[in-house]
């Protein structure tokens, strides 16, 4: 093998490792984040919020579930967890997400009660 072909092989190998490192750093299939970064706060059950909305009113929570309905412009979504569904409004935070119905997501935001129904004003969304 000539020194030229050896150096080419080494370069291609290094290029391959660099590409793998970049993919690992960016995470093939990693989460998509929108808005504020989610904190390390524990997850709150959507069912718990729906059962006792008064005890969550005005509090910041982090919930996780499946996006079952989404505004066509991505400014709100409905998140379902174990049969319980909560509305998440992203517009007050200036957020919009791409269409991700059927995807799992984590949302962090403030619980509000509107028309006697709890909802979350989302400040950060992570598509899982």
N, C-alpha and C. Protein backbone atom coordinates (compact mmCIF):
# COMPACT_ATOMS: atom_id res chain seq x y z
N UNK A 1 0.85 -1.16 0.00
CA UNK A 1 0.00 0.00 0.00
C UNK A 1 0.90 1.23 0.00
N UNK A 2 0.60 2.23 -0.80
CA UNK A 2 1.41 3.43 -0.88
C UNK A 2 1.10 4.34 0.28
N UNK A 3 1.99 5.25 0.58
CA UNK A 3 1.75 6.18 1.68
C UNK A 3 0.56 7.09 1.36
N UNK A 4 0.35 7.34 0.07
CA UNK A 4 -0.79 8.16 -0.33
C UNK A 4 -2.11 7.48 0.02
N UNK A 5 -2.23 6.17 -0.28
CA UNK A 5 -3.47 5.46 0.01
C UNK A 5 -3.65 5.27 1.51
N UNK A 6 -2.55 5.15 2.27
CA UNK A 6 -2.65 5.04 3.73
C UNK A 6 -3.18 6.34 4.32
N UNK A 7 -2.66 7.46 3.87
CA UNK A 7 -3.11 8.75 4.41
C UNK A 7 -4.57 9.01 4.03
N UNK A 8 -4.96 8.58 2.84
CA UNK A 8 -6.36 8.71 2.44
C UNK A 8 -7.26 7.86 3.33
N UNK A 9 -6.84 6.64 3.61
CA UNK A 9 -7.61 5.75 4.48
C UNK A 9 -7.73 6.34 5.88
N UNK A 10 -6.62 6.87 6.39
CA UNK A 10 -6.64 7.48 7.73
C UNK A 10 -7.57 8.68 7.75
N UNK A 11 -7.51 9.51 6.71
CA UNK A 11 -8.39 10.67 6.63
C UNK A 11 -9.86 10.26 6.59
N UNK A 12 -10.17 9.26 5.78
CA UNK A 12 -11.56 8.80 5.69
C UNK A 12 -12.02 8.22 7.02
N UNK A 13 -11.15 7.48 7.69
CA UNK A 13 -11.49 6.92 8.99
C UNK A 13 -11.75 8.04 9.99
N UNK A 14 -10.88 9.03 10.03
CA UNK A 14 -11.05 10.17 10.93
C UNK A 14 -12.32 10.94 10.60
N UNK A 15 -12.60 11.09 9.31
CA UNK A 15 -13.83 11.76 8.90
C UNK A 15 -15.06 11.00 9.40
N UNK A 16 -15.01 9.68 9.30
CA UNK A 16 -16.11 8.85 9.78
C UNK A 16 -16.31 9.01 11.27
N UNK A 17 -15.21 9.01 12.02
CA UNK A 17 -15.30 9.20 13.48
C UNK A 17 -15.84 10.58 13.82
N UNK A 18 -15.42 11.59 13.06
CA UNK A 18 -15.91 12.95 13.29
C UNK A 18 -17.42 13.02 13.04
N UNK A 19 -17.87 12.38 11.97
CA UNK A 19 -19.31 12.38 11.67
C UNK A 19 -20.09 11.69 12.78
N UNK A 20 -19.57 10.57 13.27
CA UNK A 20 -20.23 9.88 14.38
C UNK A 20 -20.27 10.73 15.63
N UNK A 21 -19.18 11.43 15.90
CA UNK A 21 -19.12 12.30 17.08
C UNK A 21 -20.14 13.42 16.98
N UNK A 22 -20.27 14.01 15.79
CA UNK A 22 -21.24 15.08 15.59
C UNK A 22 -22.66 14.55 15.77
N UNK A 23 -22.94 13.38 15.20
CA UNK A 23 -24.28 12.80 15.35
C UNK A 23 -24.56 12.49 16.81
N UNK A 24 -23.58 11.99 17.54
CA UNK A 24 -23.77 11.68 18.96
C UNK A 24 -24.00 12.95 19.75
N UNK A 25 -23.24 14.00 19.43
CA UNK A 25 -23.39 15.26 20.15
C UNK A 25 -24.75 15.89 19.91
N UNK A 26 -25.22 15.80 18.69
CA UNK A 26 -26.52 16.37 18.36
C UNK A 26 -27.63 15.37 18.59
N UNK A 27 -27.27 14.12 18.76
CA UNK A 27 -28.24 13.10 19.11
C UNK A 27 -29.17 12.74 17.99
N UNK A 28 -28.81 11.74 17.21
CA UNK A 28 -29.75 11.23 16.22
C UNK A 28 -31.01 10.84 16.97
N UNK A 29 -32.12 11.44 16.64
CA UNK A 29 -33.36 11.12 17.32
C UNK A 29 -33.46 11.77 18.69
N UNK A 30 -32.64 12.79 18.97
CA UNK A 30 -32.69 13.43 20.27
C UNK A 30 -33.92 14.33 20.34
N UNK A 31 -34.18 14.83 21.53
CA UNK A 31 -35.36 15.65 21.76
C UNK A 31 -35.26 16.99 21.02
N UNK A 32 -36.41 17.51 20.64
CA UNK A 32 -36.51 18.86 20.06
C UNK A 32 -36.98 19.76 21.18
N UNK A 33 -36.34 20.91 21.36
CA UNK A 33 -36.69 21.83 22.44
C UNK A 33 -37.20 23.14 21.87
N UNK A 34 -38.25 23.67 22.50
CA UNK A 34 -38.85 24.93 22.09
C UNK A 34 -39.09 25.76 23.35
N UNK A 35 -38.75 27.05 23.28
CA UNK A 35 -38.95 27.93 24.42
C UNK A 35 -37.91 27.72 25.49
N UNK A 36 -38.32 27.93 26.74
CA UNK A 36 -37.41 27.80 27.87
C UNK A 36 -36.98 26.34 28.05
N UNK A 37 -35.75 26.16 28.48
CA UNK A 37 -35.27 24.80 28.78
C UNK A 37 -36.04 24.27 29.98
N UNK A 38 -36.42 23.00 29.92
CA UNK A 38 -37.15 22.40 31.03
C UNK A 38 -36.22 22.20 32.22
N UNK A 39 -36.77 22.41 33.40
CA UNK A 39 -36.00 22.26 34.63
C UNK A 39 -35.89 20.79 35.01
N UNK A 40 -35.20 20.54 36.08
CA UNK A 40 -35.08 19.17 36.61
C UNK A 40 -36.20 18.85 37.60
N UNK A 41 -37.23 19.68 37.64
CA UNK A 41 -38.35 19.45 38.55
C UNK A 41 -39.00 18.10 38.24
N UNK A 42 -39.56 17.46 39.26
CA UNK A 42 -40.23 16.18 39.00
C UNK A 42 -41.49 16.39 38.16
N UNK A 43 -41.88 15.33 37.46
CA UNK A 43 -43.10 15.37 36.65
C UNK A 43 -44.32 15.40 37.57
N UNK A 44 -45.32 16.13 37.13
CA UNK A 44 -46.61 16.17 37.81
C UNK A 44 -47.59 15.39 36.95
N UNK A 45 -48.44 14.62 37.57
CA UNK A 45 -49.45 13.86 36.84
C UNK A 45 -50.55 14.80 36.34
N UNK A 46 -50.91 14.66 35.07
CA UNK A 46 -52.01 15.45 34.52
C UNK A 46 -53.28 15.13 35.29
N UNK A 47 -53.48 13.87 35.65
CA UNK A 47 -54.66 13.48 36.43
C UNK A 47 -54.73 14.20 37.76
N UNK A 48 -53.58 14.38 38.43
CA UNK A 48 -53.55 15.10 39.71
C UNK A 48 -53.99 16.55 39.53
N UNK A 49 -53.55 17.18 38.44
CA UNK A 49 -53.94 18.57 38.17
C UNK A 49 -55.45 18.66 37.94
N UNK A 50 -55.99 17.71 37.17
CA UNK A 50 -57.42 17.73 36.88
C UNK A 50 -58.27 17.42 38.10
N UNK A 51 -57.76 16.59 39.01
CA UNK A 51 -58.51 16.22 40.22
C UNK A 51 -58.54 17.33 41.26
N UNK A 52 -57.47 18.11 41.34
CA UNK A 52 -57.40 19.17 42.36
C UNK A 52 -56.82 20.44 41.75
N UNK A 53 -57.53 21.03 40.79
CA UNK A 53 -56.96 22.17 40.07
C UNK A 53 -56.63 23.35 40.98
N UNK A 54 -57.41 23.56 42.01
CA UNK A 54 -57.17 24.70 42.92
C UNK A 54 -55.81 24.64 43.59
N UNK A 55 -55.33 23.44 43.86
CA UNK A 55 -54.03 23.33 44.53
C UNK A 55 -52.86 23.53 43.56
N UNK A 56 -53.14 23.59 42.27
CA UNK A 56 -52.09 23.82 41.28
C UNK A 56 -52.18 25.20 40.64
N UNK A 57 -53.28 25.92 40.88
CA UNK A 57 -53.51 27.22 40.24
C UNK A 57 -52.35 28.17 40.50
N UNK A 58 -51.73 28.67 39.42
CA UNK A 58 -50.63 29.60 39.52
C UNK A 58 -49.26 28.95 39.70
N UNK A 59 -49.24 27.64 39.93
CA UNK A 59 -47.96 26.94 40.13
C UNK A 59 -47.35 26.52 38.80
N UNK A 60 -46.03 26.47 38.78
CA UNK A 60 -45.33 25.95 37.61
C UNK A 60 -45.20 24.44 37.76
N UNK A 61 -45.58 23.72 36.71
CA UNK A 61 -45.53 22.26 36.72
C UNK A 61 -44.82 21.77 35.47
N UNK A 62 -44.40 20.52 35.53
CA UNK A 62 -43.85 19.85 34.35
C UNK A 62 -44.66 18.58 34.17
N UNK A 63 -45.21 18.40 32.98
CA UNK A 63 -46.04 17.24 32.66
C UNK A 63 -45.51 16.58 31.40
N UNK A 64 -45.88 15.32 31.23
CA UNK A 64 -45.46 14.57 30.05
C UNK A 64 -46.63 13.75 29.55
N UNK A 65 -46.73 13.61 28.24
CA UNK A 65 -47.79 12.80 27.67
C UNK A 65 -47.70 12.79 26.15
N UNK A 66 -48.78 12.34 25.54
CA UNK A 66 -48.85 12.28 24.08
C UNK A 66 -49.64 13.48 23.57
N UNK A 67 -49.13 14.11 22.52
CA UNK A 67 -49.87 15.20 21.88
C UNK A 67 -51.00 14.56 21.09
N UNK A 68 -52.24 14.84 21.50
CA UNK A 68 -53.39 14.23 20.84
C UNK A 68 -54.14 15.19 19.94
N UNK A 69 -53.89 16.48 20.10
CA UNK A 69 -54.53 17.50 19.27
C UNK A 69 -53.61 18.71 19.28
N UNK A 70 -53.52 19.38 18.12
CA UNK A 70 -52.62 20.53 18.04
C UNK A 70 -53.20 21.55 17.07
N UNK A 71 -53.03 22.80 17.42
CA UNK A 71 -53.42 23.91 16.56
C UNK A 71 -52.63 23.81 15.25
N UNK A 72 -53.24 24.19 14.15
CA UNK A 72 -52.56 24.09 12.86
C UNK A 72 -51.32 24.97 12.79
N UNK A 73 -51.27 26.02 13.60
CA UNK A 73 -50.08 26.88 13.62
C UNK A 73 -49.15 26.54 14.78
N UNK A 74 -49.50 25.54 15.58
CA UNK A 74 -48.63 25.08 16.66
C UNK A 74 -48.65 25.93 17.91
N UNK A 75 -49.68 26.79 18.07
CA UNK A 75 -49.70 27.70 19.23
C UNK A 75 -50.39 27.09 20.46
N UNK A 76 -51.02 25.95 20.33
CA UNK A 76 -51.57 25.22 21.47
C UNK A 76 -51.61 23.74 21.15
N UNK A 77 -51.74 22.94 22.21
CA UNK A 77 -51.85 21.49 22.04
C UNK A 77 -52.60 20.90 23.22
N UNK A 78 -53.11 19.71 23.02
CA UNK A 78 -53.71 18.94 24.11
C UNK A 78 -52.80 17.77 24.37
N UNK A 79 -52.45 17.59 25.65
CA UNK A 79 -51.53 16.55 26.07
C UNK A 79 -52.28 15.52 26.90
N UNK A 80 -52.13 14.23 26.54
CA UNK A 80 -52.84 13.15 27.24
C UNK A 80 -51.85 12.23 27.95
N UNK A 81 -52.22 11.90 29.19
CA UNK A 81 -51.42 10.97 29.99
C UNK A 81 -52.39 10.07 30.76
N UNK A 82 -52.31 8.79 30.52
CA UNK A 82 -53.15 7.81 31.22
C UNK A 82 -54.63 8.16 31.17
N UNK A 83 -55.11 8.60 30.01
CA UNK A 83 -56.53 8.91 29.82
C UNK A 83 -56.94 10.30 30.27
N UNK A 84 -56.05 11.06 30.90
CA UNK A 84 -56.33 12.43 31.33
C UNK A 84 -55.71 13.39 30.32
N UNK A 85 -56.48 14.40 29.91
CA UNK A 85 -56.02 15.34 28.89
C UNK A 85 -56.07 16.76 29.42
N UNK A 86 -55.00 17.52 29.15
CA UNK A 86 -54.97 18.93 29.55
C UNK A 86 -54.59 19.78 28.35
N UNK A 87 -55.16 20.97 28.31
CA UNK A 87 -54.89 21.93 27.24
C UNK A 87 -53.64 22.74 27.61
N UNK A 88 -52.74 22.91 26.64
CA UNK A 88 -51.52 23.69 26.84
C UNK A 88 -51.53 24.83 25.83
N UNK A 89 -51.55 26.06 26.33
CA UNK A 89 -51.54 27.24 25.47
C UNK A 89 -50.11 27.76 25.40
N UNK A 90 -49.55 27.82 24.20
CA UNK A 90 -48.17 28.27 24.01
C UNK A 90 -48.10 29.74 23.57
N UNK A 91 -49.19 30.24 23.05
CA UNK A 91 -49.20 31.59 22.45
C UNK A 91 -48.79 32.68 23.44
N UNK A 92 -49.27 32.66 24.71
CA UNK A 92 -48.86 33.74 25.62
C UNK A 92 -47.34 33.82 25.84
N UNK A 93 -46.65 32.71 25.62
CA UNK A 93 -45.19 32.69 25.77
C UNK A 93 -44.48 32.96 24.45
N UNK A 94 -45.27 33.23 23.40
CA UNK A 94 -44.68 33.50 22.09
C UNK A 94 -44.12 32.25 21.42
N UNK A 95 -44.64 31.08 21.80
CA UNK A 95 -44.14 29.82 21.25
C UNK A 95 -45.08 29.24 20.21
N UNK A 96 -44.50 28.46 19.34
CA UNK A 96 -45.24 27.62 18.40
C UNK A 96 -44.33 26.45 18.09
N UNK A 97 -44.93 25.28 17.95
CA UNK A 97 -44.15 24.09 17.64
C UNK A 97 -44.64 23.51 16.32
N UNK A 98 -43.80 22.74 15.64
CA UNK A 98 -44.26 22.08 14.41
C UNK A 98 -45.31 21.02 14.74
N UNK A 99 -46.01 20.56 13.74
CA UNK A 99 -47.03 19.53 13.93
C UNK A 99 -46.39 18.25 14.46
N UNK A 100 -46.83 17.82 15.64
CA UNK A 100 -46.26 16.63 16.27
C UNK A 100 -47.34 15.75 16.91
N UNK A 101 -48.56 15.78 16.39
CA UNK A 101 -49.62 14.92 16.94
C UNK A 101 -49.14 13.47 16.91
N UNK A 102 -49.33 12.79 18.02
CA UNK A 102 -48.89 11.40 18.15
C UNK A 102 -47.53 11.27 18.80
N UNK A 103 -46.82 12.39 18.96
CA UNK A 103 -45.50 12.36 19.60
C UNK A 103 -45.64 12.53 21.11
N UNK A 104 -44.65 12.00 21.83
CA UNK A 104 -44.57 12.24 23.28
C UNK A 104 -43.88 13.57 23.50
N UNK A 105 -44.34 14.29 24.50
CA UNK A 105 -43.77 15.60 24.80
C UNK A 105 -43.78 15.84 26.30
N UNK A 106 -42.83 16.64 26.73
CA UNK A 106 -42.81 17.16 28.09
C UNK A 106 -43.02 18.66 27.98
N UNK A 107 -43.84 19.20 28.87
CA UNK A 107 -44.16 20.62 28.86
C UNK A 107 -43.98 21.17 30.26
N UNK A 108 -43.40 22.35 30.34
CA UNK A 108 -43.31 23.02 31.63
C UNK A 108 -43.98 24.37 31.49
N UNK A 109 -44.79 24.72 32.49
CA UNK A 109 -45.49 25.99 32.44
C UNK A 109 -46.36 26.18 33.66
N UNK A 110 -47.09 27.27 33.65
CA UNK A 110 -47.91 27.68 34.79
C UNK A 110 -49.35 27.22 34.59
N UNK A 111 -49.91 26.66 35.65
CA UNK A 111 -51.31 26.21 35.62
C UNK A 111 -52.22 27.41 35.84
N UNK A 112 -53.22 27.54 34.98
CA UNK A 112 -54.27 28.55 35.11
C UNK A 112 -55.61 27.85 35.08
N UNK A 113 -56.58 28.43 35.74
CA UNK A 113 -57.93 27.90 35.66
C UNK A 113 -58.75 28.90 34.86
N UNK A 114 -59.26 28.44 33.73
CA UNK A 114 -60.08 29.25 32.84
C UNK A 114 -61.42 28.57 32.67
N UNK A 115 -62.49 29.29 32.93
CA UNK A 115 -63.84 28.72 32.84
C UNK A 115 -63.93 27.44 33.65
N UNK A 116 -63.34 27.47 34.84
CA UNK A 116 -63.33 26.34 35.79
C UNK A 116 -62.55 25.13 35.31
N UNK A 117 -61.79 25.27 34.24
CA UNK A 117 -60.99 24.18 33.71
C UNK A 117 -59.50 24.52 33.83
N UNK A 118 -58.72 23.60 34.40
CA UNK A 118 -57.29 23.87 34.46
C UNK A 118 -56.65 23.72 33.08
N UNK A 119 -55.67 24.53 32.84
CA UNK A 119 -54.88 24.48 31.62
C UNK A 119 -53.46 24.90 31.98
N UNK A 120 -52.55 24.75 31.06
CA UNK A 120 -51.17 25.14 31.30
C UNK A 120 -50.76 26.16 30.26
N UNK A 121 -50.15 27.24 30.72
CA UNK A 121 -49.51 28.18 29.81
C UNK A 121 -48.07 27.69 29.68
N UNK A 122 -47.80 27.04 28.56
CA UNK A 122 -46.49 26.42 28.35
C UNK A 122 -45.39 27.43 28.12
N UNK A 123 -44.29 27.24 28.83
CA UNK A 123 -43.13 28.11 28.67
C UNK A 123 -41.97 27.37 28.01
N UNK A 124 -42.03 26.04 28.02
CA UNK A 124 -41.01 25.23 27.39
C UNK A 124 -41.60 23.89 26.98
N UNK A 125 -41.22 23.40 25.81
CA UNK A 125 -41.72 22.13 25.29
C UNK A 125 -40.53 21.31 24.81
N UNK A 126 -40.55 20.06 25.16
CA UNK A 126 -39.53 19.14 24.66
C UNK A 126 -40.26 17.97 24.00
N UNK A 127 -40.04 17.80 22.69
CA UNK A 127 -40.62 16.67 21.98
C UNK A 127 -39.66 15.51 22.19
N UNK A 128 -40.16 14.43 22.74
CA UNK A 128 -39.30 13.30 23.12
C UNK A 128 -39.14 12.29 22.01
